[in-house]
Amino acid sequence: AGTVTIGTKFDQPGFGLLNPRTQEPEGFDVEIAKLVAA
C-alpha cells in the first residue's frame, strides 16, 4: 500500500505533540513509530 496509519497523541510534549506551525506530530512516540514504518 505504501502507507501506514498510526495513532498517536497530539498533546503530550516530548512524546506526541502537534506542532502548531507544521501541523505535524513530534516526539519520542512519533519517532519510534517512524522507525517501524521505515
PDB file of all heavy atoms in Angstrom:
ATOM      1  N   ALA A   1       0.827  -1.212   0.000  1.00  0.00           N
ATOM      2  CA  ALA A   1       0.000   0.000   0.000  1.00  0.00           C
ATOM      3  C   ALA A   1       0.857   1.257   0.000  1.00  0.00           C
ATOM      4  O   ALA A   1       0.429   2.315  -0.482  1.00  0.00           O
ATOM      5  CB  ALA A   1      -0.925  -0.005   1.208  1.00  0.00           C
ATOM      6  N   GLY A   2       2.059   1.162   0.552  1.00  0.00           N
ATOM      7  CA  GLY A   2       2.950   2.317   0.588  1.00  0.00           C
ATOM      8  C   GLY A   2       2.586   3.338   1.641  1.00  0.00           C
ATOM      9  O   GLY A   2       3.083   4.470   1.614  1.00  0.00           O
ATOM     10  N   THR A   3       1.728   2.958   2.571  1.00  0.00           N
ATOM     11  CA  THR A   3       1.317   3.875   3.631  1.00  0.00           C
ATOM     12  C   THR A   3       0.921   3.078   4.854  1.00  0.00           C
ATOM     13  O   THR A   3       0.598   1.883   4.761  1.00  0.00           O
ATOM     14  CB  THR A   3       0.145   4.767   3.173  1.00  0.00           C
ATOM     15  OG1 THR A   3      -0.146   5.732   4.194  1.00  0.00           O
ATOM     16  CG2 THR A   3      -1.097   3.940   2.896  1.00  0.00           C
ATOM     17  N   VAL A   4       0.955   3.736   6.000  1.00  0.00           N
ATOM     18  CA  VAL A   4       0.532   3.127   7.257  1.00  0.00           C
ATOM     19  C   VAL A   4      -0.169   4.203   8.074  1.00  0.00           C
ATOM     20  O   VAL A   4       0.221   5.373   8.052  1.00  0.00           O
ATOM     21  CB  VAL A   4       1.739   2.530   8.038  1.00  0.00           C
ATOM     22  CG1 VAL A   4       2.775   3.588   8.362  1.00  0.00           C
ATOM     23  CG2 VAL A   4       1.277   1.817   9.303  1.00  0.00           C
ATOM     24  N   THR A   5      -1.232   3.823   8.776  1.00  0.00           N
ATOM     25  CA  THR A   5      -1.962   4.756   9.627  1.00  0.00           C
ATOM     26  C   THR A   5      -1.579   4.495  11.072  1.00  0.00           C
ATOM     27  O   THR A   5      -1.746   3.382  11.579  1.00  0.00           O
ATOM     28  CB  THR A   5      -3.481   4.603   9.454  1.00  0.00           C
ATOM     29  OG1 THR A   5      -3.820   4.829   8.083  1.00  0.00           O
ATOM     30  CG2 THR A   5      -4.233   5.603  10.319  1.00  0.00           C
ATOM     31  N   ILE A   6      -1.065   5.521  11.714  1.00  0.00           N
ATOM     32  CA  ILE A   6      -0.526   5.376  13.067  1.00  0.00           C
ATOM     33  C   ILE A   6      -1.257   6.317  14.017  1.00  0.00           C
ATOM     34  O   ILE A   6      -1.368   7.514  13.759  1.00  0.00           O
ATOM     35  CB  ILE A   6       0.979   5.677  13.101  1.00  0.00           C
ATOM     36  CG1 ILE A   6       1.733   4.718  12.163  1.00  0.00           C
ATOM     37  CG2 ILE A   6       1.526   5.580  14.524  1.00  0.00           C
ATOM     38  CD1 ILE A   6       3.215   5.022  12.023  1.00  0.00           C
ATOM     39  N   GLY A   7      -1.729   5.766  15.130  1.00  0.00           N
ATOM     40  CA  GLY A   7      -2.359   6.573  16.156  1.00  0.00           C
ATOM     41  C   GLY A   7      -1.327   7.070  17.148  1.00  0.00           C
ATOM     42  O   GLY A   7      -0.473   6.313  17.606  1.00  0.00           O
ATOM     43  N   THR A   8      -1.390   8.351  17.468  1.00  0.00           N
ATOM     44  CA  THR A   8      -0.506   8.927  18.478  1.00  0.00           C
ATOM     45  C   THR A   8      -1.243  10.060  19.162  1.00  0.00           C
ATOM     46  O   THR A   8      -2.335  10.455  18.744  1.00  0.00           O
ATOM     47  CB  THR A   8       0.822   9.408  17.862  1.00  0.00           C
ATOM     48  OG1 THR A   8       1.783   9.611  18.898  1.00  0.00           O
ATOM     49  CG2 THR A   8       0.637  10.688  17.059  1.00  0.00           C
ATOM     50  N   LYS A   9      -0.661  10.596  20.200  1.00  0.00           N
ATOM     51  CA  LYS A   9      -1.283  11.712  20.903  1.00  0.00           C
ATOM     52  C   LYS A   9      -0.782  13.031  20.330  1.00  0.00           C
ATOM     53  O   LYS A   9       0.311  13.118  19.799  1.00  0.00           O
ATOM     54  CB  LYS A   9      -1.017  11.613  22.404  1.00  0.00           C
ATOM     55  CG  LYS A   9      -1.763  10.451  23.045  1.00  0.00           C
ATOM     56  CD  LYS A   9      -1.679  10.465  24.548  1.00  0.00           C
ATOM     57  CE  LYS A   9      -2.536   9.343  25.128  1.00  0.00           C
ATOM     58  NZ  LYS A   9      -2.473   9.320  26.615  1.00  0.00           N
ATOM     59  N   PHE A  10      -1.624  14.044  20.464  1.00  0.00           N
ATOM     60  CA  PHE A  10      -1.292  15.360  19.936  1.00  0.00           C
ATOM     61  C   PHE A  10      -1.046  16.383  21.045  1.00  0.00           C
ATOM     62  O   PHE A  10      -0.846  17.564  20.753  1.00  0.00           O
ATOM     63  CB  PHE A  10      -2.433  15.875  19.043  1.00  0.00           C
ATOM     64  CG  PHE A  10      -2.496  15.250  17.668  1.00  0.00           C
ATOM     65  CD1 PHE A  10      -1.665  14.207  17.301  1.00  0.00           C
ATOM     66  CD2 PHE A  10      -3.408  15.722  16.730  1.00  0.00           C
ATOM     67  CE1 PHE A  10      -1.731  13.639  16.039  1.00  0.00           C
ATOM     68  CE2 PHE A  10      -3.486  15.160  15.461  1.00  0.00           C
ATOM     69  CZ  PHE A  10      -2.642  14.121  15.113  1.00  0.00           C
ATOM     70  N   ASP A  11      -1.084  15.947  22.324  1.00  0.00           N
ATOM     71  CA  ASP A  11      -0.964  16.917  23.411  1.00  0.00           C
ATOM     72  C   ASP A  11       0.040  16.482  24.470  1.00  0.00           C
ATOM     73  O   ASP A  11      -0.039  16.913  25.613  1.00  0.00           O
ATOM     74  CB  ASP A  11      -2.333  17.166  24.060  1.00  0.00           C
ATOM     75  CG  ASP A  11      -2.776  16.007  24.946  1.00  0.00           C
ATOM     76  OD1 ASP A  11      -2.494  14.842  24.576  1.00  0.00           O
ATOM     77  OD2 ASP A  11      -3.397  16.261  25.996  1.00  0.00           O
ATOM     78  N   GLN A  12       1.014  15.649  24.089  1.00  0.00           N
ATOM     79  CA  GLN A  12       1.991  15.130  25.036  1.00  0.00           C
ATOM     80  C   GLN A  12       3.385  15.664  24.704  1.00  0.00           C
ATOM     81  O   GLN A  12       4.097  15.071  23.871  1.00  0.00           O
ATOM     82  CB  GLN A  12       2.029  13.602  24.985  1.00  0.00           C
ATOM     83  CG  GLN A  12       0.662  12.958  25.057  1.00  0.00           C
ATOM     84  CD  GLN A  12       0.139  12.838  26.461  1.00  0.00           C
ATOM     85  OE1 GLN A  12       0.433  11.891  27.149  1.00  0.00           O
ATOM     86  NE2 GLN A  12      -0.628  13.812  26.886  1.00  0.00           N
ATOM     87  N   PRO A  13       3.810  16.781  25.306  1.00  0.00           N
ATOM     88  CA  PRO A  13       5.133  17.331  24.999  1.00  0.00           C
ATOM     89  C   PRO A  13       6.229  16.289  25.177  1.00  0.00           C
ATOM     90  O   PRO A  13       6.293  15.597  26.191  1.00  0.00           O
ATOM     91  CB  PRO A  13       5.277  18.468  26.018  1.00  0.00           C
ATOM     92  CG  PRO A  13       3.874  18.865  26.340  1.00  0.00           C
ATOM     93  CD  PRO A  13       3.084  17.584  26.302  1.00  0.00           C
ATOM     94  N   GLY A  14       7.086  16.174  24.169  1.00  0.00           N
ATOM     95  CA  GLY A  14       8.198  15.241  24.221  1.00  0.00           C
ATOM     96  C   GLY A  14       7.885  13.865  23.687  1.00  0.00           C
ATOM     97  O   GLY A  14       8.783  13.125  23.305  1.00  0.00           O
ATOM     98  N   PHE A  15       6.608  13.489  23.639  1.00  0.00           N
ATOM     99  CA  PHE A  15       6.235  12.152  23.187  1.00  0.00           C
ATOM    100  C   PHE A  15       5.324  12.189  21.961  1.00  0.00           C
ATOM    101  O   PHE A  15       5.572  11.469  20.993  1.00  0.00           O
ATOM    102  CB  PHE A  15       5.582  11.361  24.327  1.00  0.00           C
ATOM    103  CG  PHE A  15       6.584  10.643  25.177  1.00  0.00           C
ATOM    104  CD1 PHE A  15       7.413  11.340  26.038  1.00  0.00           C
ATOM    105  CD2 PHE A  15       6.735   9.271  25.100  1.00  0.00           C
ATOM    106  CE1 PHE A  15       8.369  10.695  26.815  1.00  0.00           C
ATOM    107  CE2 PHE A  15       7.679   8.607  25.865  1.00  0.00           C
ATOM    108  CZ  PHE A  15       8.501   9.318  26.721  1.00  0.00           C
ATOM    109  N   GLY A  16       4.292  12.990  21.999  1.00  0.00           N
ATOM    110  CA  GLY A  16       3.409  13.118  20.846  1.00  0.00           C
ATOM    111  C   GLY A  16       2.684  14.442  20.916  1.00  0.00           C
ATOM    112  O   GLY A  16       1.688  14.576  21.631  1.00  0.00           O
ATOM    113  N   LEU A  17       3.194  15.423  20.207  1.00  0.00           N
ATOM    114  CA  LEU A  17       2.654  16.779  20.285  1.00  0.00           C
ATOM    115  C   LEU A  17       2.516  17.363  18.881  1.00  0.00           C
ATOM    116  O   LEU A  17       3.445  17.301  18.083  1.00  0.00           O
ATOM    117  CB  LEU A  17       3.578  17.666  21.122  1.00  0.00           C
ATOM    118  CG  LEU A  17       3.125  19.112  21.343  1.00  0.00           C
ATOM    119  CD1 LEU A  17       1.866  19.153  22.195  1.00  0.00           C
ATOM    120  CD2 LEU A  17       4.238  19.918  22.027  1.00  0.00           C
ATOM    121  N   LEU A  18       1.343  17.917  18.589  1.00  0.00           N
ATOM    122  CA  LEU A  18       1.124  18.528  17.284  1.00  0.00           C
ATOM    123  C   LEU A  18       1.818  19.882  17.230  1.00  0.00           C
ATOM    124  O   LEU A  18       1.515  20.782  18.022  1.00  0.00           O
ATOM    125  CB  LEU A  18      -0.375  18.697  17.024  1.00  0.00           C
ATOM    126  CG  LEU A  18      -0.749  19.089  15.595  1.00  0.00           C
ATOM    127  CD1 LEU A  18      -0.495  17.935  14.632  1.00  0.00           C
ATOM    128  CD2 LEU A  18      -2.210  19.524  15.514  1.00  0.00           C
ATOM    129  N   ASN A  19       2.781  20.005  16.328  1.00  0.00           N
ATOM    130  CA  ASN A  19       3.473  21.275  16.146  1.00  0.00           C
ATOM    131  C   ASN A  19       2.510  22.261  15.491  1.00  0.00           C
ATOM    132  O   ASN A  19       2.022  22.012  14.389  1.00  0.00           O
ATOM    133  CB  ASN A  19       4.712  21.071  15.262  1.00  0.00           C
ATOM    134  CG  ASN A  19       5.566  22.315  15.155  1.00  0.00           C
ATOM    135  OD1 ASN A  19       5.076  23.408  14.912  1.00  0.00           O
ATOM    136  ND2 ASN A  19       6.866  22.137  15.318  1.00  0.00           N
ATOM    137  N   PRO A  20       2.215  23.392  16.139  1.00  0.00           N
ATOM    138  CA  PRO A  20       1.223  24.320  15.586  1.00  0.00           C
ATOM    139  C   PRO A  20       1.657  24.992  14.296  1.00  0.00           C
ATOM    140  O   PRO A  20       0.825  25.468  13.535  1.00  0.00           O
ATOM    141  CB  PRO A  20       1.027  25.335  16.715  1.00  0.00           C
ATOM    142  CG  PRO A  20       2.314  25.298  17.473  1.00  0.00           C
ATOM    143  CD  PRO A  20       2.776  23.864  17.410  1.00  0.00           C
ATOM    144  N   ARG A  21       2.956  25.007  14.045  1.00  0.00           N
ATOM    145  CA  ARG A  21       3.448  25.644  12.822  1.00  0.00           C
ATOM    146  C   ARG A  21       3.435  24.690  11.632  1.00  0.00           C
ATOM    147  O   ARG A  21       3.036  25.054  10.537  1.00  0.00           O
ATOM    148  CB  ARG A  21       4.856  26.194  13.047  1.00  0.00           C
ATOM    149  CG  ARG A  21       4.911  27.361  14.018  1.00  0.00           C
ATOM    150  CD  ARG A  21       6.322  27.883  14.165  1.00  0.00           C
ATOM    151  NE  ARG A  21       7.210  26.859  14.715  1.00  0.00           N
ATOM    152  CZ  ARG A  21       8.529  26.975  14.774  1.00  0.00           C
ATOM    153  NH1 ARG A  21       9.125  28.052  14.277  1.00  0.00           N
ATOM    154  NH2 ARG A  21       9.265  26.018  15.307  1.00  0.00           N
ATOM    155  N   THR A  22       3.877  23.455  11.872  1.00  0.00           N
ATOM    156  CA  THR A  22       3.948  22.498  10.769  1.00  0.00           C
ATOM    157  C   THR A  22       2.713  21.622  10.663  1.00  0.00           C
ATOM    158  O   THR A  22       2.512  20.967   9.651  1.00  0.00           O
ATOM    159  CB  THR A  22       5.166  21.563  10.957  1.00  0.00           C
ATOM    160  OG1 THR A  22       4.968  20.763  12.127  1.00  0.00           O
ATOM    161  CG2 THR A  22       6.448  22.369  11.104  1.00  0.00           C
ATOM    162  N   GLN A  23       1.887  21.606  11.745  1.00  0.00           N
ATOM    163  CA  GLN A  23       0.717  20.732  11.809  1.00  0.00           C
ATOM    164  C   GLN A  23       1.099  19.260  11.672  1.00  0.00           C
ATOM    165  O   GLN A  23       0.354  18.454  11.120  1.00  0.00           O
ATOM    166  CB  GLN A  23      -0.316  21.126  10.742  1.00  0.00           C
ATOM    167  CG  GLN A  23      -1.005  22.451  11.026  1.00  0.00           C
ATOM    168  CD  GLN A  23      -1.792  22.427  12.331  1.00  0.00           C
ATOM    169  OE1 GLN A  23      -2.767  21.697  12.473  1.00  0.00           O
ATOM    170  NE2 GLN A  23      -1.356  23.231  13.292  1.00  0.00           N
ATOM    171  N   GLU A  24       2.278  18.912  12.188  1.00  0.00           N
ATOM    172  CA  GLU A  24       2.736  17.531  12.211  1.00  0.00           C
ATOM    173  C   GLU A  24       3.053  17.134  13.652  1.00  0.00           C
ATOM    174  O   GLU A  24       3.578  17.937  14.421  1.00  0.00           O
ATOM    175  CB  GLU A  24       3.996  17.364  11.349  1.00  0.00           C
ATOM    176  CG  GLU A  24       3.764  17.648   9.870  1.00  0.00           C
ATOM    177  CD  GLU A  24       5.033  17.505   9.052  1.00  0.00           C
ATOM    178  OE1 GLU A  24       6.097  17.256   9.678  1.00  0.00           O
ATOM    179  OE2 GLU A  24       4.982  17.652   7.827  1.00  0.00           O
ATOM    180  N   PRO A  25       2.767  15.887  14.027  1.00  0.00           N
ATOM    181  CA  PRO A  25       3.088  15.453  15.390  1.00  0.00           C
ATOM    182  C   PRO A  25       4.581  15.214  15.540  1.00  0.00           C
ATOM    183  O   PRO A  25       5.254  14.791  14.607  1.00  0.00           O
ATOM    184  CB  PRO A  25       2.293  14.151  15.546  1.00  0.00           C
ATOM    185  CG  PRO A  25       2.188  13.622  14.149  1.00  0.00           C
ATOM    186  CD  PRO A  25       2.101  14.821  13.256  1.00  0.00           C
ATOM    187  N   GLU A  26       5.092  15.486  16.741  1.00  0.00           N
ATOM    188  CA  GLU A  26       6.512  15.323  17.033  1.00  0.00           C
ATOM    189  C   GLU A  26       6.662  14.702  18.411  1.00  0.00           C
ATOM    190  O   GLU A  26       5.820  14.902  19.290  1.00  0.00           O
ATOM    191  CB  GLU A  26       7.232  16.684  17.015  1.00  0.00           C
ATOM    192  CG  GLU A  26       7.196  17.378  15.667  1.00  0.00           C
ATOM    193  CD  GLU A  26       7.757  18.789  15.726  1.00  0.00           C
ATOM    194  OE1 GLU A  26       7.809  19.353  16.840  1.00  0.00           O
ATOM    195  OE2 GLU A  26       8.132  19.325  14.680  1.00  0.00           O
ATOM    196  N   GLY A  27       7.737  13.961  18.612  1.00  0.00           N
ATOM    197  CA  GLY A  27       8.004  13.402  19.925  1.00  0.00           C
ATOM    198  C   GLY A  27       8.577  12.002  19.844  1.00  0.00           C
ATOM    199  O   GLY A  27       8.751  11.430  18.759  1.00  0.00           O
ATOM    200  N   PHE A  28       8.880  11.446  20.994  1.00  0.00           N
ATOM    201  CA  PHE A  28       9.524  10.139  21.075  1.00  0.00           C
ATOM    202  C   PHE A  28       8.624   9.041  20.521  1.00  0.00           C
ATOM    203  O   PHE A  28       9.082   8.182  19.754  1.00  0.00           O
ATOM    204  CB  PHE A  28       9.901   9.849  22.523  1.00  0.00           C
ATOM    205  CG  PHE A  28      10.764   8.627  22.701  1.00  0.00           C
ATOM    206  CD1 PHE A  28      11.979   8.502  22.043  1.00  0.00           C
ATOM    207  CD2 PHE A  28      10.366   7.601  23.540  1.00  0.00           C
ATOM    208  CE1 PHE A  28      12.789   7.381  22.218  1.00  0.00           C
ATOM    209  CE2 PHE A  28      11.159   6.475  23.726  1.00  0.00           C
ATOM    210  CZ  PHE A  28      12.366   6.366  23.061  1.00  0.00           C
ATOM    211  N   ASP A  29       7.342   9.040  20.899  1.00  0.00           N
ATOM    212  CA  ASP A  29       6.416   8.052  20.333  1.00  0.00           C
ATOM    213  C   ASP A  29       6.405   8.130  18.814  1.00  0.00           C
ATOM    214  O   ASP A  29       6.401   7.108  18.121  1.00  0.00           O
ATOM    215  CB  ASP A  29       4.987   8.301  20.839  1.00  0.00           C
ATOM    216  CG  ASP A  29       4.789   7.881  22.281  1.00  0.00           C
ATOM    217  OD1 ASP A  29       5.601   7.098  22.803  1.00  0.00           O
ATOM    218  OD2 ASP A  29       3.807   8.347  22.886  1.00  0.00           O
ATOM    219  N   VAL A  30       6.367   9.349  18.306  1.00  0.00           N
ATOM    220  CA  VAL A  30       6.308   9.575  16.861  1.00  0.00           C
ATOM    221  C   VAL A  30       7.564   9.014  16.186  1.00  0.00           C
ATOM    222  O   VAL A  30       7.480   8.341  15.144  1.00  0.00           O
ATOM    223  CB  VAL A  30       6.154  11.077  16.558  1.00  0.00           C
ATOM    224  CG1 VAL A  30       6.259  11.352  15.059  1.00  0.00           C
ATOM    225  CG2 VAL A  30       4.817  11.587  17.098  1.00  0.00           C
ATOM    226  N   GLU A  31       8.726   9.265  16.774  1.00  0.00           N
ATOM    227  CA  GLU A  31       9.970   8.791  16.178  1.00  0.00           C
ATOM    228  C   GLU A  31      10.070   7.264  16.224  1.00  0.00           C
ATOM    229  O   GLU A  31      10.570   6.640  15.282  1.00  0.00           O
ATOM    230  CB  GLU A  31      11.169   9.418  16.894  1.00  0.00           C
ATOM    231  CG  GLU A  31      11.303  10.916  16.673  1.00  0.00           C
ATOM    232  CD  GLU A  31      11.400  11.277  15.200  1.00  0.00           C
ATOM    233  OE1 GLU A  31      12.272  10.712  14.510  1.00  0.00           O
ATOM    234  OE2 GLU A  31      10.588  12.106  14.742  1.00  0.00           O
ATOM    235  N   ILE A  32       9.599   6.657  17.307  1.00  0.00           N
ATOM    236  CA  ILE A  32       9.607   5.195  17.385  1.00  0.00           C
ATOM    237  C   ILE A  32       8.698   4.617  16.304  1.00  0.00           C
ATOM    238  O   ILE A  32       9.048   3.633  15.621  1.00  0.00           O
ATOM    239  CB  ILE A  32       9.157   4.728  18.781  1.00  0.00           C
ATOM    240  CG1 ILE A  32      10.185   5.142  19.839  1.00  0.00           C
ATOM    241  CG2 ILE A  32       8.933   3.218  18.802  1.00  0.00           C
ATOM    242  CD1 ILE A  32      11.568   4.554  19.644  1.00  0.00           C
ATOM    243  N   ALA A  33       7.538   5.228  16.117  1.00  0.00           N
ATOM    244  CA  ALA A  33       6.621   4.760  15.078  1.00  0.00           C
ATOM    245  C   ALA A  33       7.238   4.925  13.687  1.00  0.00           C
ATOM    246  O   ALA A  33       7.048   4.075  12.803  1.00  0.00           O
ATOM    247  CB  ALA A  33       5.302   5.523  15.169  1.00  0.00           C
ATOM    248  N   LYS A  34       7.981   5.990  13.480  1.00  0.00           N
ATOM    249  CA  LYS A  34       8.647   6.197  12.188  1.00  0.00           C
ATOM    250  C   LYS A  34       9.679   5.110  11.918  1.00  0.00           C
ATOM    251  O   LYS A  34       9.866   4.697  10.763  1.00  0.00           O
ATOM    252  CB  LYS A  34       9.321   7.574  12.154  1.00  0.00           C
ATOM    253  CG  LYS A  34       8.371   8.749  12.000  1.00  0.00           C
ATOM    254  CD  LYS A  34       9.172  10.046  11.979  1.00  0.00           C
ATOM    255  CE  LYS A  34       8.281  11.267  11.860  1.00  0.00           C
ATOM    256  NZ  LYS A  34       9.072  12.531  11.885  1.00  0.00           N
ATOM    257  N   LEU A  35      10.358   4.643  12.975  1.00  0.00           N
ATOM    258  CA  LEU A  35      11.326   3.566  12.795  1.00  0.00           C
ATOM    259  C   LEU A  35      10.638   2.294  12.308  1.00  0.00           C
ATOM    260  O   LEU A  35      11.170   1.583  11.446  1.00  0.00           O
ATOM    261  CB  LEU A  35      12.048   3.283  14.117  1.00  0.00           C
ATOM    262  CG  LEU A  35      13.010   4.366  14.632  1.00  0.00           C
ATOM    263  CD1 LEU A  35      13.534   3.983  16.007  1.00  0.00           C
ATOM    264  CD2 LEU A  35      14.172   4.567  13.663  1.00  0.00           C
ATOM    265  N   VAL A  36       9.456   2.010  12.841  1.00  0.00           N
ATOM    266  CA  VAL A  36       8.698   0.845  12.402  1.00  0.00           C
ATOM    267  C   VAL A  36       8.266   1.013  10.949  1.00  0.00           C
ATOM    268  O   VAL A  36       8.405   0.100  10.130  1.00  0.00           O
ATOM    269  CB  VAL A  36       7.473   0.611  13.306  1.00  0.00           C
ATOM    270  CG1 VAL A  36       6.624  -0.537  12.783  1.00  0.00           C
ATOM    271  CG2 VAL A  36       7.920   0.332  14.740  1.00  0.00           C
ATOM    272  N   ALA A  37       7.752   2.197  10.621  1.00  0.00           N
ATOM    273  CA  ALA A  37       7.322   2.459   9.247  1.00  0.00           C
ATOM    274  C   ALA A  37       8.491   2.311   8.280  1.00  0.00           C
ATOM    275  O   ALA A  37       8.341   1.746   7.188  1.00  0.00           O
ATOM    276  CB  ALA A  37       6.722   3.860   9.149  1.00  0.00           C
ATOM    277  N   ALA A  38       9.657   2.827   8.675  1.00  0.00           N
ATOM    278  CA  ALA A  38      10.827   2.751   7.798  1.00  0.00           C
ATOM    279  C   ALA A  38      11.191   1.310   7.487  1.00  0.00           C
ATOM    280  O   ALA A  38      11.561   0.975   6.351  1.00  0.00           O
ATOM    281  CB  ALA A  38      12.010   3.475   8.437  1.00  0.00           C
TER     282      ALA A  38
END
